[in-house]
């Protein structure tokens, strides 16, 4: 299982599944990160937290803990 946390800078991935419970999962989905959407990893901070991504045409910053809940496949 690969997660968004493991994706390298400059890589595009597709979301396969969201794990996590209730409010955290809902918050991730409200940001536009849903099953099947493509996510481009723009930058990873020097210590790995946060991760900057582009999803649905806009930019987001995600904590490592949130990125770990997003299961992805490489494309």
PDB file of N, CA and C in Angstrom:
ATOM      1  N   UNK A   1       0.833  -1.182   0.000  1.00  0.00           N
ATOM      2  CA  UNK A   1       0.000   0.000   0.000  1.00  0.00           C
ATOM      3  C   UNK A   1       0.886   1.257   0.000  1.00  0.00           C
ATOM      4  N   UNK A   2       0.715   2.094  -0.986  1.00  0.00           N
ATOM      5  CA  UNK A   2       1.454   3.348  -1.090  1.00  0.00           C
ATOM      6  C   UNK A   2       0.555   4.477  -0.601  1.00  0.00           C
ATOM      7  N   UNK A   3       1.141   5.433   0.101  1.00  0.00           N
ATOM      8  CA  UNK A   3       0.373   6.576   0.572  1.00  0.00           C
ATOM      9  C   UNK A   3       0.923   7.856  -0.037  1.00  0.00           C
ATOM     10  N   UNK A   4       0.145   8.913   0.047  1.00  0.00           N
ATOM     11  CA  UNK A   4       0.576  10.210  -0.474  1.00  0.00           C
ATOM     12  C   UNK A   4       1.829  10.699   0.244  1.00  0.00           C
ATOM     13  N   UNK A   5       2.005  10.299   1.484  1.00  0.00           N
ATOM     14  CA  UNK A   5       3.191  10.685   2.259  1.00  0.00           C
ATOM     15  C   UNK A   5       4.470  10.183   1.591  1.00  0.00           C
ATOM     16  N   UNK A   6       4.392   9.028   0.922  1.00  0.00           N
ATOM     17  CA  UNK A   6       5.567   8.413   0.302  1.00  0.00           C
ATOM     18  C   UNK A   6       5.853   8.937  -1.100  1.00  0.00           C
ATOM     19  N   UNK A   7       4.925   9.672  -1.695  1.00  0.00           N
ATOM     20  CA  UNK A   7       5.104  10.171  -3.064  1.00  0.00           C
ATOM     21  C   UNK A   7       6.220  11.213  -3.091  1.00  0.00           C
ATOM     22  N   UNK A   8       7.020  11.159  -4.133  1.00  0.00           N
ATOM     23  CA  UNK A   8       8.153  12.076  -4.266  1.00  0.00           C
ATOM     24  C   UNK A   8       7.722  13.393  -4.893  1.00  0.00           C
ATOM     25  N   UNK A   9       8.510  14.398  -4.668  1.00  0.00           N
ATOM     26  CA  UNK A   9       8.277  15.720  -5.243  1.00  0.00           C
ATOM     27  C   UNK A   9       8.269  15.609  -6.771  1.00  0.00           C
ATOM     28  N   UNK A  10       7.290  16.241  -7.420  1.00  0.00           N
ATOM     29  CA  UNK A  10       7.191  16.209  -8.870  1.00  0.00           C
ATOM     30  C   UNK A  10       6.415  15.031  -9.420  1.00  0.00           C
ATOM     31  N   UNK A  11       5.885  14.198  -8.562  1.00  0.00           N
ATOM     32  CA  UNK A  11       5.164  13.003  -8.989  1.00  0.00           C
ATOM     33  C   UNK A  11       3.662  13.261  -9.031  1.00  0.00           C
ATOM     34  N   UNK A  12       2.976  12.612  -9.976  1.00  0.00           N
ATOM     35  CA  UNK A  12       1.520  12.656 -10.039  1.00  0.00           C
ATOM     36  C   UNK A  12       0.993  11.288  -9.646  1.00  0.00           C
ATOM     37  N   UNK A  13       0.020  11.278  -8.760  1.00  0.00           N
ATOM     38  CA  UNK A  13      -0.568  10.029  -8.278  1.00  0.00           C
ATOM     39  C   UNK A  13      -2.084  10.118  -8.362  1.00  0.00           C
ATOM     40  N   UNK A  14      -2.739   8.958  -8.315  1.00  0.00           N
ATOM     41  CA  UNK A  14      -4.199   8.906  -8.307  1.00  0.00           C
ATOM     42  C   UNK A  14      -4.654   8.328  -6.971  1.00  0.00           C
ATOM     43  N   UNK A  15      -5.655   8.949  -6.369  1.00  0.00           N
ATOM     44  CA  UNK A  15      -6.174   8.507  -5.080  1.00  0.00           C
ATOM     45  C   UNK A  15      -6.969   7.218  -5.270  1.00  0.00           C
ATOM     46  N   UNK A  16      -6.603   6.194  -4.487  1.00  0.00           N
ATOM     47  CA  UNK A  16      -7.318   4.921  -4.525  1.00  0.00           C
ATOM     48  C   UNK A  16      -8.330   4.807  -3.396  1.00  0.00           C
ATOM     49  N   UNK A  17      -7.939   5.285  -2.208  1.00  0.00           N
ATOM     50  CA  UNK A  17      -8.786   5.088  -1.037  1.00  0.00           C
ATOM     51  C   UNK A  17      -8.397   6.066   0.057  1.00  0.00           C
ATOM     52  N   UNK A  18      -9.362   6.450   0.853  1.00  0.00           N
ATOM     53  CA  UNK A  18      -9.102   7.285   2.024  1.00  0.00           C
ATOM     54  C   UNK A  18      -9.353   6.449   3.265  1.00  0.00           C
ATOM     55  N   UNK A  19      -8.395   6.454   4.168  1.00  0.00           N
ATOM     56  CA  UNK A  19      -8.613   5.779   5.441  1.00  0.00           C
ATOM     57  C   UNK A  19      -8.835   6.866   6.492  1.00  0.00           C
ATOM     58  N   UNK A  20      -8.927   6.489   7.711  1.00  0.00           N
ATOM     59  CA  UNK A  20      -9.176   7.471   8.756  1.00  0.00           C
ATOM     60  C   UNK A  20     -10.627   7.439   9.165  1.00  0.00           C
ATOM     61  N   UNK A  21     -10.939   8.182  10.206  1.00  0.00           N
ATOM     62  CA  UNK A  21     -12.303   8.142  10.712  1.00  0.00           C
ATOM     63  C   UNK A  21     -13.002   9.481  10.557  1.00  0.00           C
ATOM     64  N   UNK A  22     -14.293   9.454  10.660  1.00  0.00           N
ATOM     65  CA  UNK A  22     -15.230  10.573  10.632  1.00  0.00           C
ATOM     66  C   UNK A  22     -14.724  11.928  10.223  1.00  0.00           C
ATOM     67  N   UNK A  23     -14.493  12.815  11.208  1.00  0.00           N
ATOM     68  CA  UNK A  23     -14.194  14.211  10.887  1.00  0.00           C
ATOM     69  C   UNK A  23     -12.923  14.411  10.069  1.00  0.00           C
ATOM     70  N   UNK A  24     -11.902  13.606  10.308  1.00  0.00           N
ATOM     71  CA  UNK A  24     -10.646  13.755   9.563  1.00  0.00           C
ATOM     72  C   UNK A  24     -10.870  13.381   8.099  1.00  0.00           C
ATOM     73  N   UNK A  25     -11.522  12.268   7.859  1.00  0.00           N
ATOM     74  CA  UNK A  25     -11.818  11.821   6.492  1.00  0.00           C
ATOM     75  C   UNK A  25     -12.710  12.845   5.785  1.00  0.00           C
ATOM     76  N   UNK A  26     -13.698  13.357   6.468  1.00  0.00           N
ATOM     77  CA  UNK A  26     -14.607  14.356   5.901  1.00  0.00           C
ATOM     78  C   UNK A  26     -13.842  15.617   5.517  1.00  0.00           C
ATOM     79  N   UNK A  27     -12.899  16.066   6.364  1.00  0.00           N
ATOM     80  CA  UNK A  27     -12.100  17.263   6.078  1.00  0.00           C
ATOM     81  C   UNK A  27     -11.258  17.069   4.821  1.00  0.00           C
ATOM     82  N   UNK A  28     -10.651  15.876   4.688  1.00  0.00           N
ATOM     83  CA  UNK A  28      -9.842  15.577   3.496  1.00  0.00           C
ATOM     84  C   UNK A  28     -10.725  15.591   2.250  1.00  0.00           C
ATOM     85  N   UNK A  29     -11.912  14.994   2.351  1.00  0.00           N
ATOM     86  CA  UNK A  29     -12.833  14.972   1.206  1.00  0.00           C
ATOM     87  C   UNK A  29     -13.320  16.381   0.868  1.00  0.00           C
ATOM     88  N   UNK A  30     -13.541  17.214   1.873  1.00  0.00           N
ATOM     89  CA  UNK A  30     -13.980  18.597   1.642  1.00  0.00           C
ATOM     90  C   UNK A  30     -12.924  19.416   0.913  1.00  0.00           C
ATOM     91  N   UNK A  31     -11.662  19.014   1.025  1.00  0.00           N
ATOM     92  CA  UNK A  31     -10.579  19.698   0.308  1.00  0.00           C
ATOM     93  C   UNK A  31     -10.526  19.272  -1.160  1.00  0.00           C
ATOM     94  N   UNK A  32     -11.359  18.332  -1.554  1.00  0.00           N
ATOM     95  CA  UNK A  32     -11.393  17.891  -2.952  1.00  0.00           C
ATOM     96  C   UNK A  32     -10.599  16.626  -3.209  1.00  0.00           C
ATOM     97  N   UNK A  33     -10.068  16.020  -2.164  1.00  0.00           N
ATOM     98  CA  UNK A  33      -9.291  14.793  -2.326  1.00  0.00           C
ATOM     99  C   UNK A  33     -10.245  13.618  -2.162  1.00  0.00           C
ATOM    100  N   UNK A  34     -10.685  13.079  -3.301  1.00  0.00           N
ATOM    101  CA  UNK A  34     -11.622  11.967  -3.306  1.00  0.00           C
ATOM    102  C   UNK A  34     -11.083  10.850  -4.188  1.00  0.00           C
ATOM    103  N   UNK A  35     -11.700   9.692  -4.113  1.00  0.00           N
ATOM    104  CA  UNK A  35     -11.258   8.531  -4.895  1.00  0.00           C
ATOM    105  C   UNK A  35     -11.249   8.856  -6.385  1.00  0.00           C
ATOM    106  N   UNK A  36     -10.144   8.510  -7.045  1.00  0.00           N
ATOM    107  CA  UNK A  36     -10.021   8.694  -8.491  1.00  0.00           C
ATOM    108  C   UNK A  36      -9.398  10.005  -8.933  1.00  0.00           C
ATOM    109  N   UNK A  37      -9.269  10.975  -8.035  1.00  0.00           N
ATOM    110  CA  UNK A  37      -8.724  12.273  -8.418  1.00  0.00           C
ATOM    111  C   UNK A  37      -7.194  12.191  -8.510  1.00  0.00           C
ATOM    112  N   UNK A  38      -6.628  12.951  -9.460  1.00  0.00           N
ATOM    113  CA  UNK A  38      -5.176  12.993  -9.610  1.00  0.00           C
ATOM    114  C   UNK A  38      -4.600  14.105  -8.743  1.00  0.00           C
ATOM    115  N   UNK A  39      -3.481  13.803  -8.108  1.00  0.00           N
ATOM    116  CA  UNK A  39      -2.816  14.735  -7.202  1.00  0.00           C
ATOM    117  C   UNK A  39      -1.361  14.873  -7.642  1.00  0.00           C
ATOM    118  N   UNK A  40      -0.910  16.119  -7.800  1.00  0.00           N
ATOM    119  CA  UNK A  40       0.477  16.390  -8.160  1.00  0.00           C
ATOM    120  C   UNK A  40       1.206  16.888  -6.915  1.00  0.00           C
ATOM    121  N   UNK A  41       2.308  16.236  -6.579  1.00  0.00           N
ATOM    122  CA  UNK A  41       3.094  16.621  -5.401  1.00  0.00           C
ATOM    123  C   UNK A  41       4.053  17.732  -5.828  1.00  0.00           C
ATOM    124  N   UNK A  42       3.801  18.963  -5.357  1.00  0.00           N
ATOM    125  CA  UNK A  42       4.591  20.123  -5.741  1.00  0.00           C
ATOM    126  C   UNK A  42       5.881  20.235  -4.944  1.00  0.00           C
ATOM    127  N   UNK A  43       5.768  20.196  -3.630  1.00  0.00           N
ATOM    128  CA  UNK A  43       6.941  20.376  -2.766  1.00  0.00           C
ATOM    129  C   UNK A  43       6.777  19.538  -1.514  1.00  0.00           C
ATOM    130  N   UNK A  44       7.899  19.148  -0.964  1.00  0.00           N
ATOM    131  CA  UNK A  44       7.914  18.494   0.341  1.00  0.00           C
ATOM    132  C   UNK A  44       8.890  19.302   1.196  1.00  0.00           C
ATOM    133  N   UNK A  45       8.432  19.746   2.347  1.00  0.00           N
ATOM    134  CA  UNK A  45       9.276  20.541   3.234  1.00  0.00           C
ATOM    135  C   UNK A  45      10.507  19.732   3.660  1.00  0.00           C
ATOM    136  N   UNK A  46      11.582  20.405   4.031  1.00  0.00           N
ATOM    137  CA  UNK A  46      12.826  19.704   4.384  1.00  0.00           C
ATOM    138  C   UNK A  46      12.657  18.581   5.412  1.00  0.00           C
ATOM    139  N   UNK A  47      11.808  18.775   6.388  1.00  0.00           N
ATOM    140  CA  UNK A  47      11.587  17.724   7.378  1.00  0.00           C
ATOM    141  C   UNK A  47      10.382  16.854   7.015  1.00  0.00           C
ATOM    142  N   UNK A  48       9.828  17.058   5.811  1.00  0.00           N
ATOM    143  CA  UNK A  48       8.730  16.228   5.329  1.00  0.00           C
ATOM    144  C   UNK A  48       7.352  16.707   5.731  1.00  0.00           C
ATOM    145  N   UNK A  49       7.256  17.787   6.473  1.00  0.00           N
ATOM    146  CA  UNK A  49       5.953  18.249   6.929  1.00  0.00           C
ATOM    147  C   UNK A  49       5.879  19.759   6.805  1.00  0.00           C
ATOM    148  N   UNK A  50       5.004  20.368   6.054  1.00  0.00           N
ATOM    149  CA  UNK A  50       3.909  19.763   5.295  1.00  0.00           C
ATOM    150  C   UNK A  50       4.313  19.390   3.873  1.00  0.00           C
ATOM    151  N   UNK A  51       3.355  18.787   3.170  1.00  0.00           N
ATOM    152  CA  UNK A  51       3.511  18.417   1.766  1.00  0.00           C
ATOM    153  C   UNK A  51       2.616  19.362   0.965  1.00  0.00           C
ATOM    154  N   UNK A  52       3.154  20.001  -0.064  1.00  0.00           N
ATOM    155  CA  UNK A  52       2.345  20.878  -0.919  1.00  0.00           C
ATOM    156  C   UNK A  52       1.913  20.095  -2.138  1.00  0.00           C
ATOM    157  N   UNK A  53       0.603  20.109  -2.405  1.00  0.00           N
ATOM    158  CA  UNK A  53       0.056  19.367  -3.541  1.00  0.00           C
ATOM    159  C   UNK A  53      -0.829  20.270  -4.383  1.00  0.00           C
ATOM    160  N   UNK A  54      -1.061  19.849  -5.624  1.00  0.00           N
ATOM    161  CA  UNK A  54      -2.037  20.494  -6.491  1.00  0.00           C
ATOM    162  C   UNK A  54      -3.117  19.457  -6.776  1.00  0.00           C
ATOM    163  N   UNK A  55      -4.352  19.813  -6.479  1.00  0.00           N
ATOM    164  CA  UNK A  55      -5.479  18.918  -6.698  1.00  0.00           C
ATOM    165  C   UNK A  55      -6.642  19.735  -7.264  1.00  0.00           C
ATOM    166  N   UNK A  56      -7.235  19.261  -8.345  1.00  0.00           N
ATOM    167  CA  UNK A  56      -8.361  19.939  -9.003  1.00  0.00           C
ATOM    168  C   UNK A  56      -8.066  21.402  -9.330  1.00  0.00           C
ATOM    169  N   UNK A  57      -6.811  21.686  -9.680  1.00  0.00           N
ATOM    170  CA  UNK A  57      -6.444  23.026 -10.114  1.00  0.00           C
ATOM    171  C   UNK A  57      -6.098  24.009  -9.009  1.00  0.00           C
ATOM    172  N   UNK A  58      -6.086  23.589  -7.764  1.00  0.00           N
ATOM    173  CA  UNK A  58      -5.664  24.505  -6.709  1.00  0.00           C
ATOM    174  C   UNK A  58      -4.632  23.848  -5.802  1.00  0.00           C
ATOM    175  N   UNK A  59      -3.949  24.683  -5.037  1.00  0.00           N
ATOM    176  CA  UNK A  59      -2.832  24.205  -4.226  1.00  0.00           C
ATOM    177  C   UNK A  59      -3.255  24.034  -2.771  1.00  0.00           C
ATOM    178  N   UNK A  60      -2.747  22.970  -2.157  1.00  0.00           N
ATOM    179  CA  UNK A  60      -3.040  22.655  -0.763  1.00  0.00           C
ATOM    180  C   UNK A  60      -1.755  22.305  -0.040  1.00  0.00           C
ATOM    181  N   UNK A  61      -1.763  22.485   1.260  1.00  0.00           N
ATOM    182  CA  UNK A  61      -0.696  21.971   2.113  1.00  0.00           C
ATOM    183  C   UNK A  61      -1.324  20.959   3.055  1.00  0.00           C
ATOM    184  N   UNK A  62      -0.712  19.793   3.135  1.00  0.00           N
ATOM    185  CA  UNK A  62      -1.217  18.716   3.989  1.00  0.00           C
ATOM    186  C   UNK A  62      -0.165  18.321   5.001  1.00  0.00           C
ATOM    187  N   UNK A  63      -0.601  18.044   6.207  1.00  0.00           N
ATOM    188  CA  UNK A  63       0.320  17.492   7.203  1.00  0.00           C
ATOM    189  C   UNK A  63       0.651  16.059   6.816  1.00  0.00           C
ATOM    190  N   UNK A  64       1.811  15.611   7.279  1.00  0.00           N
ATOM    191  CA  UNK A  64       2.247  14.237   7.009  1.00  0.00           C
ATOM    192  C   UNK A  64       1.217  13.222   7.506  1.00  0.00           C
ATOM    193  N   UNK A  65       0.654  13.483   8.680  1.00  0.00           N
ATOM    194  CA  UNK A  65      -0.325  12.568   9.267  1.00  0.00           C
ATOM    195  C   UNK A  65      -1.559  12.424   8.377  1.00  0.00           C
ATOM    196  N   UNK A  66      -1.980  13.527   7.744  1.00  0.00           N
ATOM    197  CA  UNK A  66      -3.134  13.467   6.836  1.00  0.00           C
ATOM    198  C   UNK A  66      -2.758  12.773   5.528  1.00  0.00           C
ATOM    199  N   UNK A  67      -1.561  13.071   5.013  1.00  0.00           N
ATOM    200  CA  UNK A  67      -1.106  12.455   3.762  1.00  0.00           C
ATOM    201  C   UNK A  67      -0.980  10.938   3.905  1.00  0.00           C
ATOM    202  N   UNK A  68      -0.696  10.485   5.114  1.00  0.00           N
ATOM    203  CA  UNK A  68      -0.542   9.056   5.362  1.00  0.00           C
ATOM    204  C   UNK A  68      -1.885   8.315   5.264  1.00  0.00           C
ATOM    205  N   UNK A  69      -2.986   9.032   5.389  1.00  0.00           N
ATOM    206  CA  UNK A  69      -4.322   8.427   5.327  1.00  0.00           C
ATOM    207  C   UNK A  69      -4.832   8.298   3.891  1.00  0.00           C
ATOM    208  N   UNK A  70      -4.078   8.814   2.931  1.00  0.00           N
ATOM    209  CA  UNK A  70      -4.515   8.810   1.540  1.00  0.00           C
ATOM    210  C   UNK A  70      -3.734   7.754   0.770  1.00  0.00           C
ATOM    211  N   UNK A  71      -4.415   6.679   0.408  1.00  0.00           N
ATOM    212  CA  UNK A  71      -3.797   5.587  -0.348  1.00  0.00           C
ATOM    213  C   UNK A  71      -3.823   5.965  -1.827  1.00  0.00           C
ATOM    214  N   UNK A  72      -2.674   5.810  -2.511  1.00  0.00           N
ATOM    215  CA  UNK A  72      -2.555   6.250  -3.903  1.00  0.00           C
ATOM    216  C   UNK A  72      -1.938   5.168  -4.778  1.00  0.00           C
ATOM    217  N   UNK A  73      -2.095   5.364  -6.099  1.00  0.00           N
ATOM    218  CA  UNK A  73      -1.378   4.535  -7.076  1.00  0.00           C
ATOM    219  C   UNK A  73      -0.618   5.488  -7.975  1.00  0.00           C
ATOM    220  N   UNK A  74       0.565   5.051  -8.392  1.00  0.00           N
ATOM    221  CA  UNK A  74       1.403   5.890  -9.239  1.00  0.00           C
ATOM    222  C   UNK A  74       0.948   5.778 -10.682  1.00  0.00           C
ATOM    223  N   UNK A  75       0.959   6.932 -11.402  1.00  0.00           N
ATOM    224  CA  UNK A  75       0.566   6.920 -12.811  1.00  0.00           C
ATOM    225  C   UNK A  75       1.644   7.523 -13.667  1.00  0.00           C
TER     226      UNK A  75
END
